[in-house]
Full PDB file with SEQRES, HELIX, SHEET, SSBOND, CRYST1, ORIGX, SCALE, CONECT and MASTER records, all heavy atoms in Angstrom:
SEQRES   1 A   36  SER HIS THR GLN HIS ILE SER LYS ILE ILE SER ARG LEU          
SEQRES   2 A   36  ASN GLY VAL ILE ARG ARG VAL ARG PRO TYR LEU PRO LEU          
SEQRES   3 A   36  GLU THR LEU HIS SER LEU TYR ASN SER LEU                      
HELIX    1 AA1 HIS A    2  VAL A   20  1                                  19    
HELIX    2 AA2 ARG A   21  TYR A   23  5                                   3    
HELIX    3 AA3 LEU A   26  SER A   35  1                                  10    
CRYST1    1.000    1.000    1.000  90.00  90.00  90.00 P 1           1          
ORIGX1      1.000000  0.000000  0.000000        0.00000                         
ORIGX2      0.000000  1.000000  0.000000        0.00000                         
ORIGX3      0.000000  0.000000  1.000000        0.00000                         
SCALE1      1.000000  0.000000  0.000000        0.00000                         
SCALE2      0.000000  1.000000  0.000000        0.00000                         
SCALE3      0.000000  0.000000  1.000000        0.00000                         
ATOM      1  N   SER A   1       0.829  -1.214   0.000  1.00  0.00           N  
ATOM      2  CA  SER A   1       0.000   0.000   0.000  1.00  0.00           C  
ATOM      3  C   SER A   1       0.856   1.254   0.000  1.00  0.00           C  
ATOM      4  O   SER A   1       0.534   2.236  -0.679  1.00  0.00           O  
ATOM      5  CB  SER A   1      -0.932  -0.001   1.220  1.00  0.00           C  
ATOM      6  OG  SER A   1      -1.806  -1.105   1.195  1.00  0.00           O  
ATOM      7  N   HIS A   2       1.960   1.209   0.756  1.00  0.00           N  
ATOM      8  CA  HIS A   2       2.814   2.391   0.832  1.00  0.00           C  
ATOM      9  C   HIS A   2       3.483   2.674  -0.505  1.00  0.00           C  
ATOM     10  O   HIS A   2       3.520   3.825  -0.964  1.00  0.00           O  
ATOM     11  CB  HIS A   2       3.879   2.206   1.919  1.00  0.00           C  
ATOM     12  CG  HIS A   2       4.776   3.384   2.077  1.00  0.00           C  
ATOM     13  ND1 HIS A   2       4.360   4.569   2.643  1.00  0.00           N  
ATOM     14  CD2 HIS A   2       6.075   3.583   1.717  1.00  0.00           C  
ATOM     15  CE1 HIS A   2       5.351   5.438   2.636  1.00  0.00           C  
ATOM     16  NE2 HIS A   2       6.404   4.877   2.079  1.00  0.00           N  
ATOM     17  N   THR A   3       4.015   1.654  -1.131  1.00  0.00           N  
ATOM     18  CA  THR A   3       4.685   1.866  -2.415  1.00  0.00           C  
ATOM     19  C   THR A   3       3.695   2.296  -3.497  1.00  0.00           C  
ATOM     20  O   THR A   3       4.022   3.114  -4.355  1.00  0.00           O  
ATOM     21  CB  THR A   3       5.424   0.591  -2.857  1.00  0.00           C  
ATOM     22  OG1 THR A   3       4.538  -0.538  -2.776  1.00  0.00           O  
ATOM     23  CG2 THR A   3       6.632   0.337  -1.978  1.00  0.00           C  
ATOM     24  N   GLN A   4       2.474   1.762  -3.449  1.00  0.00           N  
ATOM     25  CA  GLN A   4       1.454   2.203  -4.398  1.00  0.00           C  
ATOM     26  C   GLN A   4       1.104   3.674  -4.168  1.00  0.00           C  
ATOM     27  O   GLN A   4       0.923   4.442  -5.122  1.00  0.00           O  
ATOM     28  CB  GLN A   4       0.192   1.344  -4.240  1.00  0.00           C  
ATOM     29  CG  GLN A   4       0.337  -0.091  -4.717  1.00  0.00           C  
ATOM     30  CD  GLN A   4       0.454  -0.175  -6.230  1.00  0.00           C  
ATOM     31  OE1 GLN A   4      -0.170   0.575  -6.951  1.00  0.00           O  
ATOM     32  NE2 GLN A   4       1.270  -1.098  -6.701  1.00  0.00           N  
ATOM     33  N   HIS A   5       1.051   4.054  -2.908  1.00  0.00           N  
ATOM     34  CA  HIS A   5       0.700   5.439  -2.563  1.00  0.00           C  
ATOM     35  C   HIS A   5       1.757   6.422  -3.062  1.00  0.00           C  
ATOM     36  O   HIS A   5       1.426   7.424  -3.716  1.00  0.00           O  
ATOM     37  CB  HIS A   5       0.543   5.545  -1.042  1.00  0.00           C  
ATOM     38  CG  HIS A   5       0.331   6.933  -0.545  1.00  0.00           C  
ATOM     39  ND1 HIS A   5      -0.803   7.667  -0.818  1.00  0.00           N  
ATOM     40  CD2 HIS A   5       1.132   7.737   0.222  1.00  0.00           C  
ATOM     41  CE1 HIS A   5      -0.708   8.851  -0.247  1.00  0.00           C  
ATOM     42  NE2 HIS A   5       0.449   8.930   0.381  1.00  0.00           N  
ATOM     43  N   ILE A   6       3.021   6.128  -2.780  1.00  0.00           N  
ATOM     44  CA  ILE A   6       4.067   7.072  -3.197  1.00  0.00           C  
ATOM     45  C   ILE A   6       4.277   7.021  -4.716  1.00  0.00           C  
ATOM     46  O   ILE A   6       4.722   8.011  -5.308  1.00  0.00           O  
ATOM     47  CB  ILE A   6       5.390   6.834  -2.446  1.00  0.00           C  
ATOM     48  CG1 ILE A   6       5.996   5.482  -2.798  1.00  0.00           C  
ATOM     49  CG2 ILE A   6       5.204   6.981  -0.958  1.00  0.00           C  
ATOM     50  CD1 ILE A   6       7.386   5.293  -2.195  1.00  0.00           C  
ATOM     51  N   SER A   7       3.939   5.904  -5.352  1.00  0.00           N  
ATOM     52  CA  SER A   7       4.036   5.831  -6.814  1.00  0.00           C  
ATOM     53  C   SER A   7       3.101   6.843  -7.459  1.00  0.00           C  
ATOM     54  O   SER A   7       3.469   7.533  -8.421  1.00  0.00           O  
ATOM     55  CB  SER A   7       3.698   4.423  -7.307  1.00  0.00           C  
ATOM     56  OG  SER A   7       4.674   3.490  -6.891  1.00  0.00           O  
ATOM     57  N   LYS A   8       1.892   6.945  -6.928  1.00  0.00           N  
ATOM     58  CA  LYS A   8       0.933   7.911  -7.469  1.00  0.00           C  
ATOM     59  C   LYS A   8       1.429   9.337  -7.269  1.00  0.00           C  
ATOM     60  O   LYS A   8       1.310  10.186  -8.157  1.00  0.00           O  
ATOM     61  CB  LYS A   8      -0.423   7.715  -6.792  1.00  0.00           C  
ATOM     62  CG  LYS A   8      -1.092   6.386  -7.113  1.00  0.00           C  
ATOM     63  CD  LYS A   8      -2.410   6.249  -6.377  1.00  0.00           C  
ATOM     64  CE  LYS A   8      -3.060   4.904  -6.683  1.00  0.00           C  
ATOM     65  NZ  LYS A   8      -4.333   4.715  -5.920  1.00  0.00           N  
ATOM     66  N   ILE A   9       1.988   9.599  -6.092  1.00  0.00           N  
ATOM     67  CA  ILE A   9       2.477  10.952  -5.804  1.00  0.00           C  
ATOM     68  C   ILE A   9       3.635  11.306  -6.726  1.00  0.00           C  
ATOM     69  O   ILE A   9       3.688  12.407  -7.305  1.00  0.00           O  
ATOM     70  CB  ILE A   9       2.897  11.064  -4.325  1.00  0.00           C  
ATOM     71  CG1 ILE A   9       1.691  10.870  -3.409  1.00  0.00           C  
ATOM     72  CG2 ILE A   9       3.561  12.419  -4.060  1.00  0.00           C  
ATOM     73  CD1 ILE A   9       2.030  10.864  -1.933  1.00  0.00           C  
ATOM     74  N   ILE A  10       4.591  10.382  -6.879  1.00  0.00           N  
ATOM     75  CA  ILE A  10       5.767  10.648  -7.709  1.00  0.00           C  
ATOM     76  C   ILE A  10       5.366  10.846  -9.169  1.00  0.00           C  
ATOM     77  O   ILE A  10       5.887  11.727  -9.860  1.00  0.00           O  
ATOM     78  CB  ILE A  10       6.784   9.494  -7.569  1.00  0.00           C  
ATOM     79  CG1 ILE A  10       7.352   9.471  -6.147  1.00  0.00           C  
ATOM     80  CG2 ILE A  10       7.921   9.649  -8.564  1.00  0.00           C  
ATOM     81  CD1 ILE A  10       8.136   8.229  -5.818  1.00  0.00           C  
ATOM     82  N   SER A  11       4.434  10.036  -9.648  1.00  0.00           N  
ATOM     83  CA  SER A  11       3.972  10.185 -11.037  1.00  0.00           C  
ATOM     84  C   SER A  11       3.340  11.554 -11.254  1.00  0.00           C  
ATOM     85  O   SER A  11       3.572  12.195 -12.290  1.00  0.00           O  
ATOM     86  CB  SER A  11       2.974   9.082 -11.367  1.00  0.00           C  
ATOM     87  OG  SER A  11       3.569   7.803 -11.281  1.00  0.00           O  
ATOM     88  N   ARG A  12       2.549  11.994 -10.289  1.00  0.00           N  
ATOM     89  CA  ARG A  12       1.912  13.306 -10.411  1.00  0.00           C  
ATOM     90  C   ARG A  12       2.950  14.430 -10.392  1.00  0.00           C  
ATOM     91  O   ARG A  12       2.892  15.369 -11.194  1.00  0.00           O  
ATOM     92  CB  ARG A  12       0.904  13.501  -9.279  1.00  0.00           C  
ATOM     93  CG  ARG A  12       0.114  14.789  -9.397  1.00  0.00           C  
ATOM     94  CD  ARG A  12      -1.022  14.851  -8.397  1.00  0.00           C  
ATOM     95  NE  ARG A  12      -0.542  14.910  -7.017  1.00  0.00           N  
ATOM     96  CZ  ARG A  12      -0.660  13.933  -6.144  1.00  0.00           C  
ATOM     97  NH1 ARG A  12      -1.254  12.804  -6.494  1.00  0.00           N  
ATOM     98  NH2 ARG A  12      -0.216  14.069  -4.912  1.00  0.00           N  
ATOM     99  N   LEU A  13       3.931  14.331  -9.497  1.00  0.00           N  
ATOM    100  CA  LEU A  13       4.976  15.349  -9.420  1.00  0.00           C  
ATOM    101  C   LEU A  13       5.852  15.351 -10.665  1.00  0.00           C  
ATOM    102  O   LEU A  13       6.322  16.401 -11.114  1.00  0.00           O  
ATOM    103  CB  LEU A  13       5.831  15.120  -8.168  1.00  0.00           C  
ATOM    104  CG  LEU A  13       5.130  15.355  -6.824  1.00  0.00           C  
ATOM    105  CD1 LEU A  13       6.052  14.964  -5.675  1.00  0.00           C  
ATOM    106  CD2 LEU A  13       4.703  16.802  -6.678  1.00  0.00           C  
ATOM    107  N   ASN A  14       6.067  14.168 -11.235  1.00  0.00           N  
ATOM    108  CA  ASN A  14       6.853  14.092 -12.461  1.00  0.00           C  
ATOM    109  C   ASN A  14       6.147  14.836 -13.592  1.00  0.00           C  
ATOM    110  O   ASN A  14       6.788  15.504 -14.417  1.00  0.00           O  
ATOM    111  CB  ASN A  14       7.081  12.629 -12.843  1.00  0.00           C  
ATOM    112  CG  ASN A  14       7.985  12.482 -14.044  1.00  0.00           C  
ATOM    113  OD1 ASN A  14       9.051  13.089 -14.097  1.00  0.00           O  
ATOM    114  ND2 ASN A  14       7.562  11.683 -15.019  1.00  0.00           N  
ATOM    115  N   GLY A  15       4.805  14.729 -13.621  1.00  0.00           N  
ATOM    116  CA  GLY A  15       4.047  15.476 -14.623  1.00  0.00           C  
ATOM    117  C   GLY A  15       4.175  16.981 -14.434  1.00  0.00           C  
ATOM    118  O   GLY A  15       4.264  17.739 -15.410  1.00  0.00           O  
ATOM    119  N   VAL A  16       4.230  17.416 -13.173  1.00  0.00           N  
ATOM    120  CA  VAL A  16       4.402  18.844 -12.889  1.00  0.00           C  
ATOM    121  C   VAL A  16       5.759  19.327 -13.392  1.00  0.00           C  
ATOM    122  O   VAL A  16       5.868  20.373 -14.048  1.00  0.00           O  
ATOM    123  CB  VAL A  16       4.257  19.112 -11.378  1.00  0.00           C  
ATOM    124  CG1 VAL A  16       4.618  20.559 -11.059  1.00  0.00           C  
ATOM    125  CG2 VAL A  16       2.833  18.797 -10.921  1.00  0.00           C  
ATOM    126  N   ILE A  17       6.808  18.558 -13.095  1.00  0.00           N  
ATOM    127  CA  ILE A  17       8.151  18.957 -13.530  1.00  0.00           C  
ATOM    128  C   ILE A  17       8.255  18.955 -15.049  1.00  0.00           C  
ATOM    129  O   ILE A  17       8.916  19.819 -15.651  1.00  0.00           O  
ATOM    130  CB  ILE A  17       9.210  18.015 -12.906  1.00  0.00           C  
ATOM    131  CG1 ILE A  17       9.286  18.256 -11.403  1.00  0.00           C  
ATOM    132  CG2 ILE A  17      10.579  18.227 -13.543  1.00  0.00           C  
ATOM    133  CD1 ILE A  17      10.328  17.423 -10.692  1.00  0.00           C  
ATOM    134  N   ARG A  18       7.577  18.018 -15.699  1.00  0.00           N  
ATOM    135  CA  ARG A  18       7.627  17.966 -17.160  1.00  0.00           C  
ATOM    136  C   ARG A  18       7.006  19.226 -17.771  1.00  0.00           C  
ATOM    137  O   ARG A  18       7.491  19.739 -18.781  1.00  0.00           O  
ATOM    138  CB  ARG A  18       6.905  16.716 -17.666  1.00  0.00           C  
ATOM    139  CG  ARG A  18       7.026  16.524 -19.187  1.00  0.00           C  
ATOM    140  CD  ARG A  18       6.260  15.315 -19.685  1.00  0.00           C  
ATOM    141  NE  ARG A  18       6.810  14.079 -19.165  1.00  0.00           N  
ATOM    142  CZ  ARG A  18       6.196  13.295 -18.280  1.00  0.00           C  
ATOM    143  NH1 ARG A  18       5.004  13.638 -17.807  1.00  0.00           N  
ATOM    144  NH2 ARG A  18       6.751  12.185 -17.852  1.00  0.00           N  
ATOM    145  N   ARG A  19       5.953  19.717 -17.137  1.00  0.00           N  
ATOM    146  CA  ARG A  19       5.281  20.899 -17.681  1.00  0.00           C  
ATOM    147  C   ARG A  19       6.107  22.178 -17.490  1.00  0.00           C  
ATOM    148  O   ARG A  19       6.053  23.085 -18.335  1.00  0.00           O  
ATOM    149  CB  ARG A  19       3.903  21.059 -17.024  1.00  0.00           C  
ATOM    150  CG  ARG A  19       2.870  20.066 -17.540  1.00  0.00           C  
ATOM    151  CD  ARG A  19       1.476  20.441 -17.108  1.00  0.00           C  
ATOM    152  NE  ARG A  19       1.295  20.293 -15.658  1.00  0.00           N  
ATOM    153  CZ  ARG A  19       0.901  19.173 -15.074  1.00  0.00           C  
ATOM    154  NH1 ARG A  19       0.666  18.084 -15.809  1.00  0.00           N  
ATOM    155  NH2 ARG A  19       0.742  19.115 -13.779  1.00  0.00           N  
ATOM    156  N   VAL A  20       6.853  22.256 -16.403  1.00  0.00           N  
ATOM    157  CA  VAL A  20       7.630  23.488 -16.157  1.00  0.00           C  
ATOM    158  C   VAL A  20       9.055  23.373 -16.686  1.00  0.00           C  
ATOM    159  O   VAL A  20       9.798  24.355 -16.661  1.00  0.00           O  
ATOM    160  CB  VAL A  20       7.657  23.815 -14.644  1.00  0.00           C  
ATOM    161  CG1 VAL A  20       6.256  24.010 -14.106  1.00  0.00           C  
ATOM    162  CG2 VAL A  20       8.394  22.738 -13.846  1.00  0.00           C  
ATOM    163  N   ARG A  21       9.451  22.205 -17.152  1.00  0.00           N  
ATOM    164  CA  ARG A  21      10.828  21.971 -17.599  1.00  0.00           C  
ATOM    165  C   ARG A  21      11.297  22.951 -18.672  1.00  0.00           C  
ATOM    166  O   ARG A  21      12.436  23.438 -18.598  1.00  0.00           O  
ATOM    167  CB  ARG A  21      10.966  20.531 -18.096  1.00  0.00           C  
ATOM    168  CG  ARG A  21      12.362  20.159 -18.574  1.00  0.00           C  
ATOM    169  CD  ARG A  21      12.408  18.709 -19.007  1.00  0.00           C  
ATOM    170  NE  ARG A  21      11.445  18.440 -20.062  1.00  0.00           N  
ATOM    171  CZ  ARG A  21      11.159  17.217 -20.533  1.00  0.00           C  
ATOM    172  NH1 ARG A  21      11.771  16.169 -20.012  1.00  0.00           N  
ATOM    173  NH2 ARG A  21      10.277  17.048 -21.509  1.00  0.00           N  
ATOM    174  N   PRO A  22      10.472  23.307 -19.668  1.00  0.00           N  
ATOM    175  CA  PRO A  22      10.966  24.226 -20.718  1.00  0.00           C  
ATOM    176  C   PRO A  22      11.318  25.616 -20.199  1.00  0.00           C  
ATOM    177  O   PRO A  22      12.030  26.366 -20.873  1.00  0.00           O  
ATOM    178  CB  PRO A  22       9.799  24.295 -21.710  1.00  0.00           C  
ATOM    179  CG  PRO A  22       8.983  23.069 -21.446  1.00  0.00           C  
ATOM    180  CD  PRO A  22       9.115  22.818 -19.989  1.00  0.00           C  
ATOM    181  N   TYR A  23      10.855  25.968 -19.011  1.00  0.00           N  
ATOM    182  CA  TYR A  23      11.035  27.336 -18.526  1.00  0.00           C  
ATOM    183  C   TYR A  23      12.065  27.451 -17.401  1.00  0.00           C  
ATOM    184  O   TYR A  23      12.331  28.557 -16.922  1.00  0.00           O  
ATOM    185  CB  TYR A  23       9.689  27.879 -18.014  1.00  0.00           C  
ATOM    186  CG  TYR A  23       8.551  27.639 -18.968  1.00  0.00           C  
ATOM    187  CD1 TYR A  23       7.632  26.616 -18.734  1.00  0.00           C  
ATOM    188  CD2 TYR A  23       8.395  28.425 -20.108  1.00  0.00           C  
ATOM    189  CE1 TYR A  23       6.584  26.376 -19.611  1.00  0.00           C  
ATOM    190  CE2 TYR A  23       7.358  28.202 -20.995  1.00  0.00           C  
ATOM    191  CZ  TYR A  23       6.451  27.167 -20.739  1.00  0.00           C  
ATOM    192  OH  TYR A  23       5.414  26.937 -21.613  1.00  0.00           O  
ATOM    193  N   LEU A  24      12.635  26.311 -16.971  1.00  0.00           N  
ATOM    194  CA  LEU A  24      13.531  26.335 -15.814  1.00  0.00           C  
ATOM    195  C   LEU A  24      14.878  25.720 -16.160  1.00  0.00           C  
ATOM    196  O   LEU A  24      14.948  24.763 -16.953  1.00  0.00           O  
ATOM    197  CB  LEU A  24      12.911  25.564 -14.637  1.00  0.00           C  
ATOM    198  CG  LEU A  24      11.574  26.100 -14.107  1.00  0.00           C  
ATOM    199  CD1 LEU A  24      11.031  25.169 -13.028  1.00  0.00           C  
ATOM    200  CD2 LEU A  24      11.728  27.511 -13.556  1.00  0.00           C  
ATOM    201  N   PRO A  25      15.966  26.231 -15.569  1.00  0.00           N  
ATOM    202  CA  PRO A  25      17.288  25.623 -15.789  1.00  0.00           C  
ATOM    203  C   PRO A  25      17.430  24.320 -15.011  1.00  0.00           C  
ATOM    204  O   PRO A  25      16.617  23.999 -14.135  1.00  0.00           O  
ATOM    205  CB  PRO A  25      18.253  26.699 -15.251  1.00  0.00           C  
ATOM    206  CG  PRO A  25      17.458  27.437 -14.229  1.00  0.00           C  
ATOM    207  CD  PRO A  25      16.040  27.445 -14.730  1.00  0.00           C  
ATOM    208  N   LEU A  26      18.481  23.576 -15.320  1.00  0.00           N  
ATOM    209  CA  LEU A  26      18.717  22.278 -14.698  1.00  0.00           C  
ATOM    210  C   LEU A  26      18.842  22.398 -13.178  1.00  0.00           C  
ATOM    211  O   LEU A  26      18.335  21.550 -12.431  1.00  0.00           O  
ATOM    212  CB  LEU A  26      19.989  21.640 -15.283  1.00  0.00           C  
ATOM    213  CG  LEU A  26      20.432  20.315 -14.651  1.00  0.00           C  
ATOM    214  CD1 LEU A  26      19.362  19.246 -14.845  1.00  0.00           C  
ATOM    215  CD2 LEU A  26      21.763  19.861 -15.253  1.00  0.00           C  
ATOM    216  N   GLU A  27      19.520  23.449 -12.702  1.00  0.00           N  
ATOM    217  CA  GLU A  27      19.727  23.609 -11.263  1.00  0.00           C  
ATOM    218  C   GLU A  27      18.399  23.723 -10.526  1.00  0.00           C  
ATOM    219  O   GLU A  27      18.207  23.134  -9.443  1.00  0.00           O  
ATOM    220  CB  GLU A  27      20.592  24.849 -10.979  1.00  0.00           C  
ATOM    221  CG  GLU A  27      22.033  24.760 -11.453  1.00  0.00           C  
ATOM    222  CD  GLU A  27      22.173  24.962 -12.953  1.00  0.00           C  
ATOM    223  OE1 GLU A  27      21.155  25.363 -13.588  1.00  0.00           O  
ATOM    224  OE2 GLU A  27      23.269  24.717 -13.484  1.00  0.00           O  
ATOM    225  N   THR A  28      17.469  24.458 -11.116  1.00  0.00           N  
ATOM    226  CA  THR A  28      16.159  24.620 -10.479  1.00  0.00           C  
ATOM    227  C   THR A  28      15.367  23.318 -10.513  1.00  0.00           C  
ATOM    228  O   THR A  28      14.701  22.950  -9.536  1.00  0.00           O  
ATOM    229  CB  THR A  28      15.363  25.736 -11.174  1.00  0.00           C  
ATOM    230  OG1 THR A  28      16.130  26.940 -11.178  1.00  0.00           O  
ATOM    231  CG2 THR A  28      14.046  25.976 -10.468  1.00  0.00           C  
ATOM    232  N   LEU A  29      15.448  22.604 -11.627  1.00  0.00           N  
ATOM    233  CA  LEU A  29      14.766  21.312 -11.727  1.00  0.00           C  
ATOM    234  C   LEU A  29      15.328  20.324 -10.713  1.00  0.00           C  
ATOM    235  O   LEU A  29      14.585  19.544 -10.093  1.00  0.00           O  
ATOM    236  CB  LEU A  29      14.897  20.755 -13.139  1.00  0.00           C  
ATOM    237  CG  LEU A  29      14.188  21.539 -14.250  1.00  0.00           C  
ATOM    238  CD1 LEU A  29      14.546  20.969 -15.618  1.00  0.00           C  
ATOM    239  CD2 LEU A  29      12.672  21.505 -14.033  1.00  0.00           C  
ATOM    240  N   HIS A  30      16.644  20.376 -10.534  1.00  0.00           N  
ATOM    241  CA  HIS A  30      17.276  19.510  -9.542  1.00  0.00           C  
ATOM    242  C   HIS A  30      16.805  19.865  -8.136  1.00  0.00           C  
ATOM    243  O   HIS A  30      16.568  18.991  -7.294  1.00  0.00           O  
ATOM    244  CB  HIS A  30      18.805  19.634  -9.641  1.00  0.00           C  
ATOM    245  CG  HIS A  30      19.534  18.654  -8.792  1.00  0.00           C  
ATOM    246  ND1 HIS A  30      20.817  18.871  -8.340  1.00  0.00           N  
ATOM    247  CD2 HIS A  30      19.168  17.446  -8.294  1.00  0.00           C  
ATOM    248  CE1 HIS A  30      21.202  17.846  -7.614  1.00  0.00           C  
ATOM    249  NE2 HIS A  30      20.224  16.959  -7.577  1.00  0.00           N  
ATOM    250  N   SER A  31      16.656  21.158  -7.860  1.00  0.00           N  
ATOM    251  CA  SER A  31      16.155  21.598  -6.560  1.00  0.00           C  
ATOM    252  C   SER A  31      14.729  21.115  -6.330  1.00  0.00           C  
ATOM    253  O   SER A  31      14.363  20.711  -5.218  1.00  0.00           O  
ATOM    254  CB  SER A  31      16.219  23.122  -6.456  1.00  0.00           C  
ATOM    255  OG  SER A  31      17.550  23.586  -6.524  1.00  0.00           O  
ATOM    256  N   LEU A  32      13.914  21.152  -7.390  1.00  0.00           N  
ATOM    257  CA  LEU A  32      12.549  20.647  -7.272  1.00  0.00           C  
ATOM    258  C   LEU A  32      12.542  19.154  -6.966  1.00  0.00           C  
ATOM    259  O   LEU A  32      11.736  18.672  -6.165  1.00  0.00           O  
ATOM    260  CB  LEU A  32      11.782  20.919  -8.573  1.00  0.00           C  
ATOM    261  CG  LEU A  32      11.386  22.371  -8.852  1.00  0.00           C  
ATOM    262  CD1 LEU A  32      10.739  22.491 -10.227  1.00  0.00           C  
ATOM    263  CD2 LEU A  32      10.430  22.878  -7.775  1.00  0.00           C  
ATOM    264  N   TYR A  33      13.449  18.434  -7.617  1.00  0.00           N  
ATOM    265  CA  TYR A  33      13.554  16.994  -7.348  1.00  0.00           C  
ATOM    266  C   TYR A  33      13.916  16.743  -5.892  1.00  0.00           C  
ATOM    267  O   TYR A  33      13.296  15.901  -5.209  1.00  0.00           O  
ATOM    268  CB  TYR A  33      14.598  16.370  -8.272  1.00  0.00           C  
ATOM    269  CG  TYR A  33      14.961  14.945  -7.907  1.00  0.00           C  
ATOM    270  CD1 TYR A  33      14.169  13.877  -8.339  1.00  0.00           C  
ATOM    271  CD2 TYR A  33      16.071  14.670  -7.122  1.00  0.00           C  
ATOM    272  CE1 TYR A  33      14.492  12.570  -7.995  1.00  0.00           C  
ATOM    273  CE2 TYR A  33      16.408  13.366  -6.770  1.00  0.00           C  
ATOM    274  CZ  TYR A  33      15.614  12.317  -7.213  1.00  0.00           C  
ATOM    275  OH  TYR A  33      15.914  11.033  -6.854  1.00  0.00           O  
ATOM    276  N   ASN A  34      14.917  17.480  -5.386  1.00  0.00           N  
ATOM    277  CA  ASN A  34      15.377  17.271  -4.011  1.00  0.00           C  
ATOM    278  C   ASN A  34      14.311  17.637  -2.988  1.00  0.00           C  
ATOM    279  O   ASN A  34      14.193  16.978  -1.950  1.00  0.00           O  
ATOM    280  CB  ASN A  34      16.646  18.094  -3.746  1.00  0.00           C  
ATOM    281  CG  ASN A  34      17.856  17.516  -4.444  1.00  0.00           C  
ATOM    282  OD1 ASN A  34      17.923  16.313  -4.697  1.00  0.00           O  
ATOM    283  ND2 ASN A  34      18.808  18.364  -4.776  1.00  0.00           N  
ATOM    284  N   SER A  35      13.543  18.678  -3.263  1.00  0.00           N  
ATOM    285  CA  SER A  35      12.565  19.140  -2.279  1.00  0.00           C  
ATOM    286  C   SER A  35      11.240  18.390  -2.354  1.00  0.00           C  
ATOM    287  O   SER A  35      10.602  18.140  -1.326  1.00  0.00           O  
ATOM    288  CB  SER A  35      12.316  20.643  -2.456  1.00  0.00           C  
ATOM    289  OG  SER A  35      11.834  20.924  -3.760  1.00  0.00           O  
ATOM    290  N   LEU A  36      10.815  18.006  -3.571  1.00  0.00           N  
ATOM    291  CA  LEU A  36       9.500  17.405  -3.739  1.00  0.00           C  
ATOM    292  C   LEU A  36       9.527  15.878  -3.766  1.00  0.00           C  
ATOM    293  O   LEU A  36       8.602  15.233  -3.260  1.00  0.00           O  
ATOM    294  CB  LEU A  36       8.852  17.911  -5.036  1.00  0.00           C  
ATOM    295  CG  LEU A  36       8.572  19.414  -5.128  1.00  0.00           C  
ATOM    296  CD1 LEU A  36       7.971  19.741  -6.489  1.00  0.00           C  
ATOM    297  CD2 LEU A  36       7.631  19.857  -4.021  1.00  0.00           C  
TER     298      LEU A  36                                                      
MASTER        0    0    0    3    0    0    0    6  297    1    0    3          
END                                                                             
């Protein structure tokens, strides 16, 4: 249940990063990965 739960969260966050990726540098994307 736990792995299924975090899988959904990570997939959703990955979609967020994909949408903002064209507008942000690598350093900022890396910061988003570390924080989120």
